[in-house]
Amino acid sequence: MNIQDVINHLEVLAPLEYAEDFDNVGLLVGDKDEKLTGVLVTLDTLEEVVDEAITNNCNLIVSFHPIIFKGLKKITGKTYVERVVLKAIKNNIAIYAIHTALDNAIQGVNDIICNKLGLKNKKILIPQAATIKKLTTYVPIDEAENLRNALFEAGAGHIGNYSHCSFNTNGIGTYQGNEDSNPTLGDKGKTHNEKETQVSVIFAKHLESKIIKALTETHSYEEVAFEVVTIENKNQNIGLGMIGELENPMNEEDFLAFTKTQMNTGFIKHSQFLNKPIKKIAVLGGSGSFAINAAKFSGADVFITSDLKYHDFFMAENTMLLADIGHYESEQFTKNFLVTYLTKKITNFAVVLSNTNTNPVKYF
């Protein structure tokens, strides 16, 4: 097994195509074709974490946050980022960051928070736009079923709880091949009429190359006519934040005490109590002030996130409770989740949970 094999498993869970544009995800340091010796999973990659990887004979660090976020013009060891990169390179250790790709995954950061709080009826708070594409192609009628099945096998045709979804229209296709052509049906130099089926299927954008490959390898024509367009529908399984419900409502003080315990946080900053029961809960791991309005419009009784500033607390406008549980605290269980996931996928290599507490914020 090599490093790319581990990356393949991670990108099934959290395809990089859904990471935010500002982010820096994927393999940041190292050679993807290097033979794997072990995997260390961490929230942040610090020098102490690289030392852990060395001690545990792990040549791949899977980090939630990217150690390289902005461009590096020099690597001299002057900053903590440069020192980490230098130490990793010197010790032949690769670093992979998953960050907002996992933030946007249906089984990602926010799902972890919801599960910690025991929430039911979960759904994405801010579904991501431009993540669904549609393929339209034309195939001889007697080949249509075989082509549809190949596209379905490649991942096309999934809509919510339904699979094998397509739209089909029969008609007449025409073409005329030149002297260099080799038509499957008809003769070159002559216009040919063929009874064809127009097949349309939708697919998640990260599957595009796989879908096109299935199309071209299955279709019998020398030249395959097709188009791919991005559709406006939002993918309800991809996006930031999540909404869920408690099985039984709680009062505000009891809920914050419960959250403090479940999320293992030293304190919670919150907006003023509204003296109403907490039932519907919106969550967003990491910095989430941008989602306050989305949480309000969702009808949430409370919005759990982090990094809220003074004026952000006014934005609740007495419609819901805002709770800032801390950035590290909102994401701390991500590494445990990734270890469990990779351990199930990789049974013959060590997947090690980092013991380094990388939280830069301390409390007095």
Protein backbone atom coordinates (compact mmCIF):
# COMPACT_ATOMS: atom_id res chain seq x y z
CA MET A 1 0.00 0.00 0.00
CA ASN A 2 1.20 3.52 -0.75
CA ILE A 3 0.16 6.96 0.44
CA GLN A 4 -2.22 7.45 -2.49
CA ASP A 5 -4.24 4.43 -1.35
CA VAL A 6 -4.99 6.20 1.95
CA ILE A 7 -5.82 9.41 0.10
CA ASN A 8 -8.31 7.50 -2.06
CA HIS A 9 -10.18 6.35 1.06
CA LEU A 10 -10.23 9.90 2.47
CA GLU A 11 -11.54 11.37 -0.75
CA VAL A 12 -14.44 8.92 -0.86
CA LEU A 13 -15.44 10.25 2.55
CA ALA A 14 -14.74 13.90 1.71
CA PRO A 15 -14.11 14.67 -1.98
CA LEU A 16 -11.81 17.68 -2.37
CA GLU A 17 -14.11 19.13 -5.04
CA TYR A 18 -16.43 20.26 -2.23
CA ALA A 19 -13.81 22.11 -0.17
CA GLU A 20 -14.26 25.87 0.06
CA ASP A 21 -12.45 27.97 -2.56
CA PHE A 22 -10.31 29.75 0.05
CA ASP A 23 -9.01 26.50 1.52
CA ASN A 24 -5.81 24.54 0.92
CA VAL A 25 -6.63 20.85 1.07
CA GLY A 26 -5.14 17.62 -0.19
CA LEU A 27 -1.54 16.42 -0.15
CA LEU A 28 0.51 19.43 0.99
CA VAL A 29 3.89 17.77 1.57
CA GLY A 30 5.35 14.50 0.29
CA ASP A 31 5.16 11.94 -2.50
CA LYS A 32 1.81 10.20 -3.05
CA ASP A 33 3.57 7.15 -4.51
CA GLU A 34 5.73 6.56 -1.43
CA LYS A 35 5.20 3.20 0.29
CA LEU A 36 3.10 3.59 3.44
CA THR A 37 4.54 2.72 6.86
CA GLY A 38 1.74 4.13 9.04
CA VAL A 39 -0.75 6.98 9.46
CA LEU A 40 -0.91 9.56 12.26
CA VAL A 41 -4.14 11.54 12.57
CA THR A 42 -4.21 15.00 14.14
CA LEU A 43 -6.27 18.18 14.26
CA ASP A 44 -3.23 20.40 13.55
CA THR A 45 0.27 19.59 12.33
CA LEU A 46 2.84 21.04 14.73
CA GLU A 47 6.49 20.09 15.28
CA GLU A 48 5.47 17.90 18.22
CA VAL A 49 3.06 16.07 15.93
CA VAL A 50 5.80 15.40 13.36
CA ASP A 51 7.91 14.03 16.25
CA GLU A 52 4.99 11.73 17.13
CA ALA A 53 4.88 10.49 13.54
CA ILE A 54 8.62 9.75 13.65
CA THR A 55 8.28 7.88 16.96
CA ASN A 56 5.38 5.80 15.65
CA ASN A 57 7.03 5.10 12.27
CA CYS A 58 4.22 6.88 10.42
CA ASN A 59 5.19 8.52 7.13
CA LEU A 60 1.76 10.07 6.53
CA ILE A 61 0.12 12.69 8.74
CA VAL A 62 -3.59 13.21 8.12
CA SER A 63 -4.38 16.64 9.52
CA PHE A 64 -7.74 18.33 9.75
CA HIS A 65 -6.31 21.86 9.43
CA PRO A 66 -3.77 22.61 6.68
CA ILE A 67 -0.31 23.60 7.96
CA ILE A 68 0.25 25.49 4.70
CA PHE A 69 -2.64 27.90 4.27
CA LYS A 70 -1.08 30.87 2.52
CA GLY A 71 1.72 30.64 -0.03
CA LEU A 72 5.23 29.98 1.25
CA LYS A 73 7.92 32.08 -0.45
CA LYS A 74 10.73 30.72 1.73
CA ILE A 75 11.33 27.61 3.82
CA THR A 76 14.10 28.65 6.19
CA GLY A 77 12.66 27.54 9.53
CA LYS A 78 11.91 31.09 10.63
CA THR A 79 8.21 30.43 11.39
CA TYR A 80 6.44 27.46 12.98
CA VAL A 81 4.91 26.63 9.58
CA GLU A 82 8.33 26.53 7.90
CA ARG A 83 9.79 24.44 10.71
CA VAL A 84 7.01 21.87 10.42
CA VAL A 85 7.43 21.61 6.64
CA LEU A 86 11.22 21.31 6.94
CA LYS A 87 11.03 18.61 9.61
CA ALA A 88 8.45 16.65 7.59
CA ILE A 89 10.55 16.81 4.42
CA LYS A 90 13.77 15.86 6.24
CA ASN A 91 12.06 12.80 7.70
CA ASN A 92 10.22 11.83 4.51
CA ILE A 93 6.79 12.38 6.08
CA ALA A 94 3.82 13.38 3.93
CA ILE A 95 1.11 15.74 5.20
CA TYR A 96 -2.48 15.59 3.95
CA ALA A 97 -5.13 18.16 4.99
CA ILE A 98 -8.87 17.48 4.75
CA HIS A 99 -10.38 20.62 6.39
CA THR A 100 -13.44 22.11 4.61
CA ALA A 101 -13.85 19.03 2.42
CA LEU A 102 -14.82 17.26 5.65
CA ASP A 103 -16.73 20.33 6.87
CA ASN A 104 -18.98 19.98 3.82
CA ALA A 105 -19.34 16.18 3.98
CA ILE A 106 -22.61 14.68 5.18
CA GLN A 107 -20.65 12.43 7.57
CA GLY A 108 -18.22 15.11 8.64
CA VAL A 109 -17.47 17.67 11.32
CA ASN A 110 -21.02 18.82 11.91
CA ASP A 111 -22.46 15.33 11.91
CA ILE A 112 -19.94 14.50 14.65
CA ILE A 113 -21.24 17.39 16.78
CA CYS A 114 -24.85 16.33 16.17
CA ASN A 115 -24.05 12.78 17.22
CA LYS A 116 -22.31 14.01 20.38
CA LEU A 117 -25.50 15.89 21.27
CA GLY A 118 -27.77 12.99 20.30
CA LEU A 119 -29.66 14.94 17.65
CA LYS A 120 -32.28 13.37 15.37
CA ASN A 121 -33.72 14.37 11.96
CA LYS A 122 -30.40 15.81 10.81
CA LYS A 123 -29.99 17.81 7.60
CA ILE A 124 -27.48 20.23 6.07
CA LEU A 125 -27.84 23.85 7.21
CA ILE A 126 -26.35 25.53 4.10
CA PRO A 127 -26.48 23.17 1.10
CA GLN A 128 -23.70 23.82 -1.39
CA ALA A 129 -24.66 25.16 -4.82
CA ALA A 130 -23.28 24.04 -8.21
CA THR A 131 -22.48 20.52 -7.05
CA ILE A 132 -24.89 18.61 -9.31
CA LYS A 133 -24.32 18.11 -13.03
CA LYS A 134 -26.42 16.64 -15.84
CA LEU A 135 -25.17 14.49 -18.72
CA THR A 136 -27.19 14.26 -21.93
CA THR A 137 -26.17 11.86 -24.69
CA TYR A 138 -27.62 9.96 -27.65
CA VAL A 139 -27.37 6.21 -28.24
CA PRO A 140 -28.96 3.64 -30.58
CA ILE A 141 -32.23 2.48 -29.02
CA ASP A 142 -31.15 -1.14 -28.58
CA GLU A 143 -27.99 0.00 -26.69
CA ALA A 144 -29.75 2.45 -24.35
CA GLU A 145 -30.30 0.06 -21.44
CA ASN A 146 -26.69 -1.11 -21.45
CA LEU A 147 -25.42 2.48 -21.48
CA ARG A 148 -27.77 3.56 -18.68
CA ASN A 149 -26.60 0.68 -16.51
CA ALA A 150 -22.96 1.61 -17.10
CA LEU A 151 -23.66 5.22 -16.11
CA PHE A 152 -25.56 4.07 -13.01
CA GLU A 153 -22.67 1.79 -12.07
CA ALA A 154 -20.34 4.80 -12.30
CA GLY A 155 -22.49 6.74 -9.84
CA ALA A 156 -24.97 8.62 -12.01
CA GLY A 157 -28.70 8.77 -11.42
CA HIS A 158 -28.80 9.23 -7.65
CA ILE A 159 -31.44 11.66 -6.33
CA GLY A 160 -31.89 11.65 -2.55
CA ASN A 161 -33.18 8.21 -1.58
CA TYR A 162 -33.55 7.10 -5.20
CA SER A 163 -31.10 5.49 -7.64
CA HIS A 164 -31.18 4.52 -11.34
CA CYS A 165 -32.86 7.83 -12.20
CA SER A 166 -32.83 8.96 -15.84
CA PHE A 167 -34.97 10.61 -18.51
CA ASN A 168 -35.22 9.07 -21.97
CA THR A 169 -36.68 10.29 -25.26
CA ASN A 170 -36.67 8.42 -28.57
CA GLY A 171 -36.02 10.16 -31.89
CA ILE A 172 -34.00 10.09 -35.10
CA GLY A 173 -30.30 10.93 -35.12
CA THR A 174 -28.46 11.79 -38.32
CA TYR A 175 -24.78 11.89 -39.23
CA GLN A 176 -22.45 11.63 -42.21
CA GLY A 177 -18.86 10.51 -41.82
CA ASN A 178 -16.01 11.84 -43.95
CA GLU A 179 -13.42 9.69 -45.76
CA ASP A 180 -11.38 9.26 -42.56
CA SER A 181 -14.33 8.12 -40.48
CA ASN A 182 -15.13 4.57 -39.38
CA PRO A 183 -18.82 4.63 -38.48
CA THR A 184 -20.22 1.81 -36.34
CA LEU A 185 -23.54 2.07 -38.17
CA GLY A 186 -23.98 3.29 -41.75
CA ASP A 187 -21.42 4.02 -44.45
CA LYS A 188 -18.91 6.85 -44.60
CA GLY A 189 -19.75 9.53 -47.10
CA LYS A 190 -23.48 8.82 -46.80
CA THR A 191 -25.99 10.47 -44.48
CA HIS A 192 -27.26 7.89 -42.00
CA ASN A 193 -30.53 7.99 -40.04
CA GLU A 194 -30.53 6.05 -36.77
CA LYS A 195 -33.29 5.49 -34.23
CA GLU A 196 -31.73 6.77 -31.01
CA THR A 197 -32.60 7.35 -27.38
CA GLN A 198 -31.66 10.63 -25.74
CA VAL A 199 -30.50 9.70 -22.24
CA SER A 200 -30.18 12.28 -19.46
CA VAL A 201 -28.78 11.54 -15.99
CA ILE A 202 -27.57 13.68 -13.11
CA PHE A 203 -24.44 13.07 -11.04
CA ALA A 204 -22.34 14.62 -8.26
CA LYS A 205 -19.66 16.86 -9.76
CA HIS A 206 -16.72 14.96 -8.28
CA LEU A 207 -17.74 11.93 -10.38
CA GLU A 208 -17.53 13.70 -13.75
CA SER A 209 -14.37 12.03 -15.07
CA LYS A 210 -15.68 8.61 -13.98
CA ILE A 211 -19.04 9.23 -15.69
CA ILE A 212 -17.45 10.39 -18.95
CA LYS A 213 -15.13 7.38 -18.93
CA ALA A 214 -18.09 5.02 -18.51
CA LEU A 215 -19.90 6.79 -21.35
CA THR A 216 -17.06 6.65 -23.86
CA GLU A 217 -16.05 3.08 -23.01
CA THR A 218 -19.62 1.76 -23.28
CA HIS A 219 -20.95 3.73 -26.25
CA SER A 220 -20.46 2.02 -29.62
CA TYR A 221 -20.04 5.19 -31.72
CA GLU A 222 -16.62 6.31 -32.94
CA GLU A 223 -17.52 9.88 -31.96
CA VAL A 224 -19.82 10.19 -28.95
CA ALA A 225 -22.06 13.26 -28.82
CA PHE A 226 -22.79 14.48 -25.30
CA GLU A 227 -23.09 17.58 -23.15
CA VAL A 228 -22.52 18.21 -19.45
CA VAL A 229 -24.15 21.15 -17.67
CA THR A 230 -24.26 22.30 -14.06
CA ILE A 231 -27.80 22.49 -12.72
CA GLU A 232 -29.20 24.89 -10.13
CA ASN A 233 -30.50 22.28 -7.67
CA LYS A 234 -28.62 22.32 -4.38
CA ASN A 235 -27.18 19.08 -3.11
CA GLN A 236 -28.87 18.37 0.23
CA ASN A 237 -26.03 16.02 1.20
CA ILE A 238 -23.18 18.51 0.72
CA GLY A 239 -22.74 21.77 2.61
CA LEU A 240 -21.80 23.62 5.76
CA GLY A 241 -23.46 23.26 9.14
CA MET A 242 -26.23 20.94 10.19
CA ILE A 243 -29.64 21.12 11.85
CA GLY A 244 -31.09 18.50 14.15
CA GLU A 245 -33.50 18.00 17.02
CA LEU A 246 -33.29 16.80 20.58
CA GLU A 247 -35.54 13.89 21.36
CA ASN A 248 -36.79 15.77 24.43
CA PRO A 249 -36.68 19.59 24.83
CA MET A 250 -34.43 21.08 27.51
CA ASN A 251 -34.35 24.47 29.19
CA GLU A 252 -31.49 26.78 28.21
CA GLU A 253 -29.31 26.34 31.28
CA ASP A 254 -29.63 22.56 31.26
CA PHE A 255 -28.88 22.44 27.55
CA LEU A 256 -25.70 24.53 27.87
CA ALA A 257 -24.54 22.38 30.78
CA PHE A 258 -25.24 19.27 28.69
CA THR A 259 -23.35 20.74 25.72
CA LYS A 260 -20.41 21.71 27.92
CA THR A 261 -20.09 18.11 29.09
CA GLN A 262 -20.68 16.44 25.74
CA MET A 263 -18.33 18.75 23.83
CA ASN A 264 -15.67 18.73 26.59
CA THR A 265 -15.35 22.51 26.67
CA GLY A 266 -14.12 24.65 29.54
CA PHE A 267 -16.65 27.41 29.02
CA ILE A 268 -19.43 28.56 26.68
CA LYS A 269 -20.01 32.16 25.66
CA HIS A 270 -23.66 32.74 24.87
CA SER A 271 -26.23 35.39 24.06
CA GLN A 272 -28.96 36.30 26.54
CA PHE A 273 -31.40 33.63 27.61
CA LEU A 274 -34.85 33.81 25.99
CA ASN A 275 -36.60 31.57 28.52
CA LYS A 276 -37.87 29.16 25.91
CA PRO A 277 -37.22 25.43 25.51
CA ILE A 278 -34.41 24.15 23.31
CA LYS A 279 -35.53 21.58 20.75
CA LYS A 280 -34.18 22.47 17.29
CA ILE A 281 -30.41 22.96 17.12
CA ALA A 282 -28.12 24.31 14.41
CA VAL A 283 -24.40 23.54 14.58
CA LEU A 284 -21.33 24.59 12.61
CA GLY A 285 -17.86 23.49 13.65
CA GLY A 286 -15.11 26.08 13.53
CA SER A 287 -15.73 29.76 12.78
CA GLY A 288 -19.44 30.11 12.08
CA SER A 289 -20.58 33.72 12.42
CA PHE A 290 -21.38 33.82 8.69
CA ALA A 291 -24.11 31.22 9.27
CA ILE A 292 -26.05 33.05 12.01
CA ASN A 293 -28.76 34.20 9.62
CA ALA A 294 -29.08 30.74 8.07
CA ALA A 295 -29.52 29.29 11.56
CA LYS A 296 -32.19 31.90 12.34
CA PHE A 297 -34.08 31.21 9.11
CA SER A 298 -33.96 27.48 9.83
CA GLY A 299 -36.02 28.09 12.97
CA ALA A 300 -33.27 26.87 15.31
CA ASP A 301 -33.68 27.49 19.03
CA VAL A 302 -29.89 27.59 19.44
CA PHE A 303 -26.87 27.90 17.15
CA ILE A 304 -23.66 26.22 18.34
CA THR A 305 -20.42 27.38 16.72
CA SER A 306 -17.21 29.25 17.61
CA ASP A 307 -15.15 32.42 17.14
CA LEU A 308 -18.11 34.76 17.61
CA LYS A 309 -17.16 38.42 18.05
CA TYR A 310 -18.84 40.97 20.31
CA HIS A 311 -21.23 42.31 17.69
CA ASP A 312 -22.09 38.84 16.40
CA PHE A 313 -24.08 38.19 19.55
CA PHE A 314 -26.49 40.99 18.65
CA MET A 315 -27.37 39.16 15.42
CA ALA A 316 -29.46 36.62 17.30
CA GLU A 317 -32.04 39.43 17.69
CA ASN A 318 -33.83 37.58 20.48
CA THR A 319 -34.93 34.82 18.11
CA MET A 320 -32.50 32.11 19.21
CA LEU A 321 -29.66 31.43 21.60
CA LEU A 322 -26.09 31.75 20.31
CA ALA A 323 -23.47 29.50 21.92
CA ASP A 324 -19.72 29.82 21.25
CA ILE A 325 -18.05 26.63 22.52
CA GLY A 326 -14.52 27.33 21.22
CA HIS A 327 -12.90 26.57 17.87
CA TYR A 328 -10.75 23.64 18.98
CA GLU A 329 -13.55 22.27 21.12
CA SER A 330 -16.01 22.22 18.20
CA GLU A 331 -13.61 20.19 16.04
CA GLN A 332 -11.64 18.14 18.57
CA PHE A 333 -13.45 14.84 17.94
CA THR A 334 -12.73 14.96 14.22
CA LYS A 335 -9.42 13.14 14.59
CA ASN A 336 -11.06 10.31 16.55
CA PHE A 337 -13.64 9.96 13.79
CA LEU A 338 -10.94 9.81 11.09
CA VAL A 339 -8.97 7.19 13.01
CA THR A 340 -12.08 4.99 13.27
CA TYR A 341 -12.85 5.49 9.57
CA LEU A 342 -9.33 4.71 8.36
CA THR A 343 -8.91 1.76 10.72
CA LYS A 344 -11.90 0.10 9.07
CA LYS A 345 -10.49 0.78 5.60
CA ILE A 346 -6.84 -0.06 6.33
CA THR A 347 -6.48 -3.21 8.37
CA ASN A 348 -2.81 -4.02 7.79
CA PHE A 349 -1.23 -0.68 8.73
CA ALA A 350 -1.18 1.29 11.97
CA VAL A 351 -3.56 4.25 12.15
CA VAL A 352 -2.44 6.24 15.19
CA LEU A 353 -4.39 8.91 17.06
CA SER A 354 -2.16 11.86 17.92
CA ASN A 355 -1.87 12.50 21.66
CA THR A 356 -0.75 16.11 21.18
CA ASN A 357 -3.24 18.73 22.33
CA THR A 358 -2.83 21.33 19.61
CA ASN A 359 -5.28 23.87 21.05
CA PRO A 360 -3.43 27.24 21.04
CA VAL A 361 -6.04 28.81 23.33
CA LYS A 362 -5.59 28.34 27.05
CA TYR A 363 -7.97 29.26 29.88
CA PHE A 364 -7.06 30.74 33.27
